[in-house]
């Protein structure tokens, strides 16, 4: 299955009970949306660099620190079996998304939109704010149901 739309990489952010349940989504053609999981559909917001940059902005640490945290951009599925892949998001970002007030999400969107990764795909502050609100909503629902955040990444 080609998971590109108009040359765009699909990055479906979703919640699952645990790593095993997250990786099991690879058995469902079309990804987590078809597996009836809670999903926030995105294009080109990669779960490794762009998401670590977001975490650095939201938590006030360096990109290096954010990218080295446990679970940050960790490949959970087999490289040999993909794409698509399943990648975890860090618990630190998860907590930041759950607890951030809406005003802070809008404030974080401005510097995030100025990163090279978001500038290359022409995402401005307004769209970045919408992305942050969507990810925060997903994180809040996941927290309520005792789940974690993941990305189904189809290159």
N, C-alpha and C. Protein backbone atom coordinates (compact mmCIF):
# COMPACT_ATOMS: atom_id res chain seq x y z
N UNK A 1 0.84 -1.18 0.00
CA UNK A 1 0.00 0.00 0.00
C UNK A 1 0.87 1.23 0.00
N UNK A 2 0.61 2.18 -0.87
CA UNK A 2 1.33 3.44 -0.90
C UNK A 2 0.65 4.39 0.07
N UNK A 3 1.36 4.81 1.10
CA UNK A 3 0.77 5.66 2.13
C UNK A 3 1.11 7.13 1.91
N UNK A 4 1.36 7.49 0.67
CA UNK A 4 1.62 8.90 0.37
C UNK A 4 0.44 9.47 -0.39
N UNK A 5 0.12 10.67 -0.04
CA UNK A 5 -0.92 11.40 -0.75
C UNK A 5 -0.24 12.62 -1.34
N UNK A 6 -0.17 12.69 -2.64
CA UNK A 6 0.48 13.83 -3.27
C UNK A 6 1.92 14.00 -2.81
N UNK A 7 2.64 12.90 -2.58
CA UNK A 7 4.03 12.97 -2.16
C UNK A 7 4.23 13.23 -0.68
N UNK A 8 3.15 13.32 0.08
CA UNK A 8 3.27 13.60 1.51
C UNK A 8 3.35 12.30 2.32
N UNK A 9 4.20 12.32 3.31
CA UNK A 9 4.32 11.19 4.22
C UNK A 9 3.19 11.24 5.23
N UNK A 10 2.55 10.11 5.46
CA UNK A 10 1.48 10.07 6.45
C UNK A 10 2.06 9.77 7.83
N UNK A 11 1.62 10.54 8.78
CA UNK A 11 2.03 10.36 10.18
C UNK A 11 0.77 10.40 11.01
N UNK A 12 0.20 9.24 11.25
CA UNK A 12 -1.04 9.16 12.02
C UNK A 12 -0.68 8.94 13.48
N UNK A 13 -0.97 9.93 14.30
CA UNK A 13 -0.70 9.84 15.73
C UNK A 13 -1.90 9.19 16.39
N UNK A 14 -1.63 8.23 17.28
CA UNK A 14 -2.73 7.47 17.87
C UNK A 14 -2.38 7.04 19.28
N UNK A 15 -3.39 6.60 20.00
CA UNK A 15 -3.16 6.07 21.34
C UNK A 15 -3.45 4.57 21.34
N UNK A 16 -2.72 3.87 22.19
CA UNK A 16 -2.91 2.43 22.36
C UNK A 16 -2.55 2.07 23.79
N UNK A 17 -3.03 0.92 24.23
CA UNK A 17 -2.83 0.49 25.61
C UNK A 17 -1.36 0.27 25.95
N UNK A 18 -0.59 -0.25 24.99
CA UNK A 18 0.82 -0.54 25.25
C UNK A 18 1.54 -0.72 23.92
N UNK A 19 2.84 -0.94 23.99
CA UNK A 19 3.65 -1.07 22.77
C UNK A 19 3.17 -2.21 21.88
N UNK A 20 2.82 -3.33 22.49
CA UNK A 20 2.36 -4.49 21.72
C UNK A 20 1.08 -4.16 20.94
N UNK A 21 0.15 -3.49 21.59
CA UNK A 21 -1.09 -3.11 20.91
C UNK A 21 -0.81 -2.09 19.82
N UNK A 22 0.15 -1.21 20.04
CA UNK A 22 0.49 -0.21 19.03
C UNK A 22 1.08 -0.88 17.79
N UNK A 23 2.00 -1.79 17.98
CA UNK A 23 2.63 -2.48 16.85
C UNK A 23 1.62 -3.35 16.11
N UNK A 24 0.64 -3.87 16.81
CA UNK A 24 -0.39 -4.71 16.18
C UNK A 24 -1.18 -3.95 15.12
N UNK A 25 -1.15 -2.63 15.17
CA UNK A 25 -1.88 -1.84 14.17
C UNK A 25 -1.31 -2.07 12.77
N UNK A 26 -0.08 -2.53 12.69
CA UNK A 26 0.52 -2.81 11.39
C UNK A 26 -0.18 -3.95 10.67
N UNK A 27 -0.94 -4.76 11.40
CA UNK A 27 -1.68 -5.85 10.79
C UNK A 27 -2.99 -5.38 10.15
N UNK A 28 -3.34 -4.12 10.37
CA UNK A 28 -4.57 -3.55 9.82
C UNK A 28 -4.22 -2.69 8.61
N UNK A 29 -4.61 -3.10 7.41
CA UNK A 29 -4.34 -2.27 6.23
C UNK A 29 -4.96 -0.88 6.41
N UNK A 30 -4.16 0.15 6.15
CA UNK A 30 -4.66 1.51 6.27
C UNK A 30 -4.33 2.18 7.59
N UNK A 31 -3.76 1.45 8.53
CA UNK A 31 -3.29 2.06 9.75
C UNK A 31 -4.28 2.14 10.89
N UNK A 32 -3.95 2.96 11.89
CA UNK A 32 -4.72 2.99 13.13
C UNK A 32 -6.16 3.47 12.98
N UNK A 33 -6.44 4.30 12.02
CA UNK A 33 -7.82 4.75 11.81
C UNK A 33 -8.74 3.61 11.45
N UNK A 34 -8.23 2.68 10.68
CA UNK A 34 -9.02 1.52 10.30
C UNK A 34 -9.06 0.47 11.40
N UNK A 35 -8.15 0.60 12.37
CA UNK A 35 -8.13 -0.33 13.51
C UNK A 35 -9.03 0.17 14.64
N UNK A 36 -9.79 1.20 14.35
CA UNK A 36 -10.74 1.77 15.31
C UNK A 36 -10.07 2.26 16.59
N UNK A 37 -8.89 2.85 16.43
CA UNK A 37 -8.19 3.48 17.54
C UNK A 37 -8.44 4.98 17.48
N UNK A 38 -8.16 5.67 18.58
CA UNK A 38 -8.26 7.13 18.60
C UNK A 38 -7.06 7.68 17.83
N UNK A 39 -7.31 8.42 16.75
CA UNK A 39 -6.26 8.83 15.84
C UNK A 39 -6.36 10.32 15.54
N UNK A 40 -5.20 10.95 15.39
CA UNK A 40 -5.10 12.32 14.89
C UNK A 40 -4.27 12.22 13.61
N UNK A 41 -4.90 12.44 12.47
CA UNK A 41 -4.26 12.26 11.17
C UNK A 41 -3.44 13.49 10.80
N UNK A 42 -2.19 13.27 10.43
CA UNK A 42 -1.31 14.36 10.00
C UNK A 42 -0.53 13.93 8.78
N UNK A 43 0.03 14.90 8.11
CA UNK A 43 0.93 14.63 7.00
C UNK A 43 2.23 15.38 7.27
N UNK A 44 3.34 14.69 7.09
CA UNK A 44 4.67 15.29 7.13
C UNK A 44 5.17 15.80 8.48
N UNK A 45 4.47 15.57 9.58
CA UNK A 45 4.98 15.94 10.91
C UNK A 45 5.64 14.69 11.47
N UNK A 46 6.93 14.57 11.22
CA UNK A 46 7.60 13.31 11.57
C UNK A 46 7.73 13.14 13.08
N UNK A 47 7.65 11.88 13.54
CA UNK A 47 7.66 11.60 14.97
C UNK A 47 9.05 11.57 15.61
N UNK A 48 10.07 11.85 14.83
CA UNK A 48 11.41 11.82 15.39
C UNK A 48 11.92 13.25 15.57
N UNK A 49 12.25 13.93 14.50
CA UNK A 49 12.83 15.26 14.60
C UNK A 49 11.80 16.32 14.97
N UNK A 50 10.73 16.44 14.20
CA UNK A 50 9.74 17.50 14.45
C UNK A 50 9.11 17.37 15.83
N UNK A 51 8.83 16.15 16.26
CA UNK A 51 8.19 15.96 17.57
C UNK A 51 9.19 16.20 18.70
N UNK A 52 10.46 15.83 18.53
CA UNK A 52 11.46 16.15 19.55
C UNK A 52 11.67 17.66 19.65
N UNK A 53 11.59 18.36 18.53
CA UNK A 53 11.69 19.82 18.57
C UNK A 53 10.51 20.41 19.35
N UNK A 54 9.33 19.87 19.11
CA UNK A 54 8.16 20.32 19.85
C UNK A 54 8.35 20.07 21.34
N UNK A 55 8.82 18.90 21.70
CA UNK A 55 9.05 18.58 23.11
C UNK A 55 10.04 19.55 23.73
N UNK A 56 11.11 19.86 23.02
CA UNK A 56 12.11 20.81 23.53
C UNK A 56 11.47 22.18 23.79
N UNK A 57 10.65 22.63 22.88
CA UNK A 57 9.98 23.93 23.03
C UNK A 57 9.02 23.89 24.21
N UNK A 58 8.23 22.84 24.31
CA UNK A 58 7.22 22.76 25.36
C UNK A 58 7.81 22.58 26.75
N UNK A 59 8.96 21.93 26.85
CA UNK A 59 9.53 21.62 28.17
C UNK A 59 10.74 22.47 28.52
N UNK A 60 11.19 23.31 27.59
CA UNK A 60 12.30 24.20 27.87
C UNK A 60 13.66 23.54 27.92
N UNK A 61 13.79 22.39 27.27
CA UNK A 61 15.08 21.71 27.23
C UNK A 61 15.67 21.85 25.82
N UNK A 62 16.85 21.31 25.62
CA UNK A 62 17.46 21.33 24.29
C UNK A 62 16.84 20.23 23.42
N UNK A 63 17.01 20.38 22.11
CA UNK A 63 16.55 19.34 21.19
C UNK A 63 17.26 18.02 21.50
N UNK A 64 18.57 18.11 21.79
CA UNK A 64 19.34 16.90 22.07
C UNK A 64 18.78 16.16 23.28
N UNK A 65 18.46 16.92 24.33
CA UNK A 65 17.91 16.29 25.53
C UNK A 65 16.56 15.63 25.22
N UNK A 66 15.71 16.35 24.50
CA UNK A 66 14.39 15.81 24.16
C UNK A 66 14.52 14.55 23.31
N UNK A 67 15.42 14.57 22.34
CA UNK A 67 15.54 13.43 21.43
C UNK A 67 16.18 12.21 22.08
N UNK A 68 16.85 12.41 23.22
CA UNK A 68 17.49 11.29 23.91
C UNK A 68 16.64 10.72 25.04
N UNK A 69 15.49 11.30 25.29
CA UNK A 69 14.63 10.80 26.37
C UNK A 69 14.09 9.42 25.99
N UNK A 70 13.81 8.60 27.01
CA UNK A 70 13.22 7.29 26.73
C UNK A 70 11.93 7.44 25.91
N UNK A 71 11.77 6.58 24.94
CA UNK A 71 10.60 6.48 24.08
C UNK A 71 10.51 7.58 23.02
N UNK A 72 11.39 8.55 23.04
CA UNK A 72 11.32 9.64 22.05
C UNK A 72 11.73 9.12 20.67
N UNK A 73 10.77 9.03 19.78
CA UNK A 73 11.04 8.57 18.42
C UNK A 73 11.57 7.15 18.34
N UNK A 74 11.25 6.34 19.33
CA UNK A 74 11.75 4.96 19.37
C UNK A 74 10.98 4.08 18.39
N UNK A 75 11.72 3.44 17.49
CA UNK A 75 11.11 2.51 16.54
C UNK A 75 10.71 1.25 17.28
N UNK A 76 9.43 0.94 17.27
CA UNK A 76 8.92 -0.24 17.97
C UNK A 76 8.71 -1.42 17.03
N UNK A 77 8.48 -1.13 15.77
CA UNK A 77 8.26 -2.19 14.79
C UNK A 77 9.59 -2.54 14.13
N UNK A 78 9.60 -3.59 13.38
CA UNK A 78 10.81 -4.05 12.72
C UNK A 78 11.10 -3.23 11.47
N UNK A 79 12.36 -2.81 11.34
CA UNK A 79 12.77 -2.09 10.13
C UNK A 79 12.56 -2.94 8.89
N UNK A 80 12.79 -4.24 9.02
CA UNK A 80 12.67 -5.14 7.87
C UNK A 80 11.23 -5.28 7.39
N UNK A 81 10.27 -5.07 8.28
CA UNK A 81 8.86 -5.24 7.92
C UNK A 81 8.20 -3.97 7.39
N UNK A 82 8.89 -2.84 7.48
CA UNK A 82 8.24 -1.58 7.10
C UNK A 82 8.79 -0.99 5.85
N UNK A 83 8.30 0.13 5.40
CA UNK A 83 7.25 0.91 6.05
C UNK A 83 5.87 0.31 5.81
N UNK A 84 4.89 0.70 6.57
CA UNK A 84 4.93 1.70 7.64
C UNK A 84 5.60 1.17 8.89
N UNK A 85 5.90 2.12 9.78
CA UNK A 85 6.53 1.82 11.06
C UNK A 85 5.64 2.32 12.19
N UNK A 86 5.88 1.82 13.38
CA UNK A 86 5.25 2.36 14.59
C UNK A 86 6.37 2.89 15.47
N UNK A 87 6.19 4.15 15.88
CA UNK A 87 7.18 4.87 16.67
C UNK A 87 6.50 5.38 17.94
N UNK A 88 7.21 5.33 19.06
CA UNK A 88 6.63 5.83 20.32
C UNK A 88 6.95 7.31 20.50
N UNK A 89 6.11 7.98 21.27
CA UNK A 89 6.36 9.35 21.70
C UNK A 89 6.75 9.29 23.17
N UNK A 90 7.58 10.22 23.60
CA UNK A 90 8.07 10.18 24.98
C UNK A 90 6.96 10.49 25.98
N UNK A 91 7.12 9.96 27.17
CA UNK A 91 6.18 10.24 28.24
C UNK A 91 6.26 11.71 28.66
N UNK A 92 7.44 12.32 28.51
CA UNK A 92 7.60 13.73 28.85
C UNK A 92 6.74 14.60 27.94
N UNK A 93 6.76 14.32 26.64
CA UNK A 93 5.91 15.08 25.72
C UNK A 93 4.45 14.79 26.01
N UNK A 94 4.13 13.55 26.25
CA UNK A 94 2.76 13.15 26.59
C UNK A 94 2.25 13.99 27.76
N UNK A 95 3.04 14.07 28.83
CA UNK A 95 2.63 14.85 30.01
C UNK A 95 2.50 16.33 29.68
N UNK A 96 3.42 16.86 28.88
CA UNK A 96 3.36 18.27 28.51
C UNK A 96 2.11 18.57 27.69
N UNK A 97 1.75 17.68 26.78
CA UNK A 97 0.54 17.88 25.98
C UNK A 97 -0.72 17.80 26.83
N UNK A 98 -0.74 16.90 27.79
CA UNK A 98 -1.91 16.73 28.66
C UNK A 98 -2.13 17.96 29.53
N UNK A 99 -1.06 18.54 30.04
CA UNK A 99 -1.19 19.60 31.04
C UNK A 99 -1.14 21.01 30.49
N UNK A 100 -0.76 21.19 29.24
CA UNK A 100 -0.62 22.55 28.69
C UNK A 100 -1.97 23.22 28.49
N UNK A 101 -2.13 24.43 29.02
CA UNK A 101 -3.35 25.20 28.74
C UNK A 101 -3.40 25.59 27.26
N UNK A 102 -4.59 25.82 26.75
CA UNK A 102 -4.77 26.19 25.34
C UNK A 102 -3.91 27.40 24.95
N UNK A 103 -3.82 28.40 25.82
CA UNK A 103 -3.02 29.59 25.51
C UNK A 103 -1.55 29.23 25.31
N UNK A 104 -1.05 28.29 26.11
CA UNK A 104 0.33 27.87 25.95
C UNK A 104 0.54 27.11 24.65
N UNK A 105 -0.44 26.31 24.26
CA UNK A 105 -0.32 25.59 22.98
C UNK A 105 -0.16 26.58 21.84
N UNK A 106 -0.95 27.64 21.86
CA UNK A 106 -0.85 28.67 20.82
C UNK A 106 0.52 29.34 20.89
N UNK A 107 0.99 29.61 22.10
CA UNK A 107 2.30 30.25 22.28
C UNK A 107 3.43 29.34 21.79
N UNK A 108 3.36 28.05 22.05
CA UNK A 108 4.39 27.11 21.60
C UNK A 108 4.40 26.95 20.08
N UNK A 109 3.27 27.18 19.45
CA UNK A 109 3.16 26.99 18.00
C UNK A 109 4.08 27.92 17.22
N UNK A 110 4.25 29.13 17.70
CA UNK A 110 5.07 30.12 16.98
C UNK A 110 6.51 29.64 16.81
N UNK A 111 7.25 29.33 17.89
CA UNK A 111 8.62 28.86 17.67
C UNK A 111 8.69 27.52 16.95
N UNK A 112 7.71 26.65 17.18
CA UNK A 112 7.73 25.36 16.49
C UNK A 112 7.58 25.56 14.99
N UNK A 113 6.73 26.50 14.60
CA UNK A 113 6.51 26.75 13.16
C UNK A 113 7.75 27.33 12.49
N UNK A 114 8.68 27.83 13.27
CA UNK A 114 9.91 28.42 12.71
C UNK A 114 11.05 27.40 12.60
N UNK A 115 10.83 26.16 13.02
CA UNK A 115 11.86 25.13 12.86
C UNK A 115 11.98 24.77 11.38
N UNK A 116 13.16 24.31 11.00
CA UNK A 116 13.39 23.94 9.60
C UNK A 116 12.37 22.92 9.10
N UNK A 117 12.06 21.93 9.93
CA UNK A 117 11.16 20.86 9.50
C UNK A 117 9.77 21.40 9.16
N UNK A 118 9.25 22.29 9.96
CA UNK A 118 7.91 22.83 9.68
C UNK A 118 7.95 23.89 8.58
N UNK A 119 9.05 24.64 8.51
CA UNK A 119 9.17 25.63 7.43
C UNK A 119 9.25 24.93 6.07
N UNK A 120 9.96 23.80 6.00
CA UNK A 120 10.09 23.07 4.74
C UNK A 120 8.75 22.60 4.20
N UNK A 121 7.82 22.32 5.08
CA UNK A 121 6.50 21.87 4.63
C UNK A 121 5.45 22.98 4.75
N UNK A 122 5.96 24.19 4.95
CA UNK A 122 5.14 25.41 4.93
C UNK A 122 3.99 25.39 5.94
N UNK A 123 4.34 25.01 7.14
CA UNK A 123 3.36 25.05 8.22
C UNK A 123 3.64 26.29 9.06
N UNK A 124 2.69 27.21 9.04
CA UNK A 124 2.80 28.44 9.81
C UNK A 124 2.28 28.26 11.22
N UNK A 125 2.33 29.33 11.98
CA UNK A 125 1.95 29.29 13.40
C UNK A 125 0.50 28.89 13.60
N UNK A 126 -0.40 29.35 12.74
CA UNK A 126 -1.82 29.03 12.92
C UNK A 126 -2.08 27.53 12.75
N UNK A 127 -1.50 26.95 11.71
CA UNK A 127 -1.67 25.51 11.48
C UNK A 127 -0.94 24.73 12.58
N UNK A 128 0.25 25.19 12.98
CA UNK A 128 0.98 24.52 14.06
C UNK A 128 0.15 24.52 15.35
N UNK A 129 -0.55 25.62 15.61
CA UNK A 129 -1.41 25.69 16.81
C UNK A 129 -2.53 24.66 16.71
N UNK A 130 -3.12 24.52 15.52
CA UNK A 130 -4.17 23.51 15.33
C UNK A 130 -3.62 22.10 15.54
N UNK A 131 -2.40 21.86 15.05
CA UNK A 131 -1.77 20.55 15.25
C UNK A 131 -1.55 20.30 16.74
N UNK A 132 -1.05 21.30 17.44
CA UNK A 132 -0.82 21.15 18.88
C UNK A 132 -2.12 20.88 19.63
N UNK A 133 -3.16 21.57 19.26
CA UNK A 133 -4.46 21.35 19.91
C UNK A 133 -4.96 19.93 19.64
N UNK A 134 -4.77 19.45 18.41
CA UNK A 134 -5.17 18.08 18.08
C UNK A 134 -4.37 17.04 18.84
N UNK A 135 -3.05 17.25 18.93
CA UNK A 135 -2.21 16.32 19.68
C UNK A 135 -2.53 16.36 21.17
N UNK A 136 -2.80 17.56 21.69
CA UNK A 136 -3.15 17.69 23.11
C UNK A 136 -4.47 16.98 23.40
N UNK A 137 -5.43 17.11 22.51
CA UNK A 137 -6.71 16.41 22.69
C UNK A 137 -6.52 14.91 22.70
N UNK A 138 -5.70 14.42 21.77
CA UNK A 138 -5.40 12.98 21.72
C UNK A 138 -4.73 12.53 23.02
N UNK A 139 -3.78 13.32 23.50
CA UNK A 139 -3.07 12.98 24.74
C UNK A 139 -4.02 12.97 25.93
N UNK A 140 -4.90 13.94 26.00
CA UNK A 140 -5.85 14.00 27.12
C UNK A 140 -6.79 12.80 27.12
N UNK A 141 -7.27 12.43 25.94
CA UNK A 141 -8.14 11.25 25.86
C UNK A 141 -7.37 9.98 26.23
N UNK A 142 -6.11 9.91 25.79
CA UNK A 142 -5.27 8.75 26.11
C UNK A 142 -5.03 8.65 27.62
N UNK A 143 -4.77 9.77 28.25
CA UNK A 143 -4.53 9.77 29.70
C UNK A 143 -5.76 9.25 30.43
N UNK A 144 -6.94 9.71 30.00
CA UNK A 144 -8.19 9.29 30.63
C UNK A 144 -8.39 7.79 30.54
N UNK A 145 -7.96 7.20 29.43
CA UNK A 145 -8.17 5.76 29.24
C UNK A 145 -6.92 4.92 29.56
N UNK A 146 -5.89 5.54 30.15
CA UNK A 146 -4.70 4.80 30.56
C UNK A 146 -3.84 4.33 29.41
N UNK A 147 -3.80 5.10 28.32
CA UNK A 147 -3.03 4.70 27.15
C UNK A 147 -1.82 5.60 26.95
N UNK A 148 -1.02 5.28 25.93
CA UNK A 148 0.18 6.04 25.57
C UNK A 148 0.03 6.51 24.12
N UNK A 149 0.97 7.38 23.70
CA UNK A 149 0.92 7.93 22.34
C UNK A 149 1.96 7.28 21.43
N UNK A 150 1.54 7.13 20.17
CA UNK A 150 2.36 6.49 19.14
C UNK A 150 2.15 7.20 17.81
N UNK A 151 3.01 6.87 16.86
CA UNK A 151 2.83 7.35 15.49
C UNK A 151 2.97 6.19 14.52
N UNK A 152 2.00 6.10 13.62
CA UNK A 152 2.05 5.17 12.48
C UNK A 152 2.67 6.00 11.37
N UNK A 153 3.89 5.66 10.99
CA UNK A 153 4.70 6.49 10.11
C UNK A 153 4.91 5.77 8.79
N UNK A 154 4.25 6.25 7.77
CA UNK A 154 4.36 5.64 6.44
C UNK A 154 5.19 6.56 5.55
N UNK A 155 6.43 6.16 5.30
CA UNK A 155 7.35 6.98 4.52
C UNK A 155 7.07 6.90 3.04
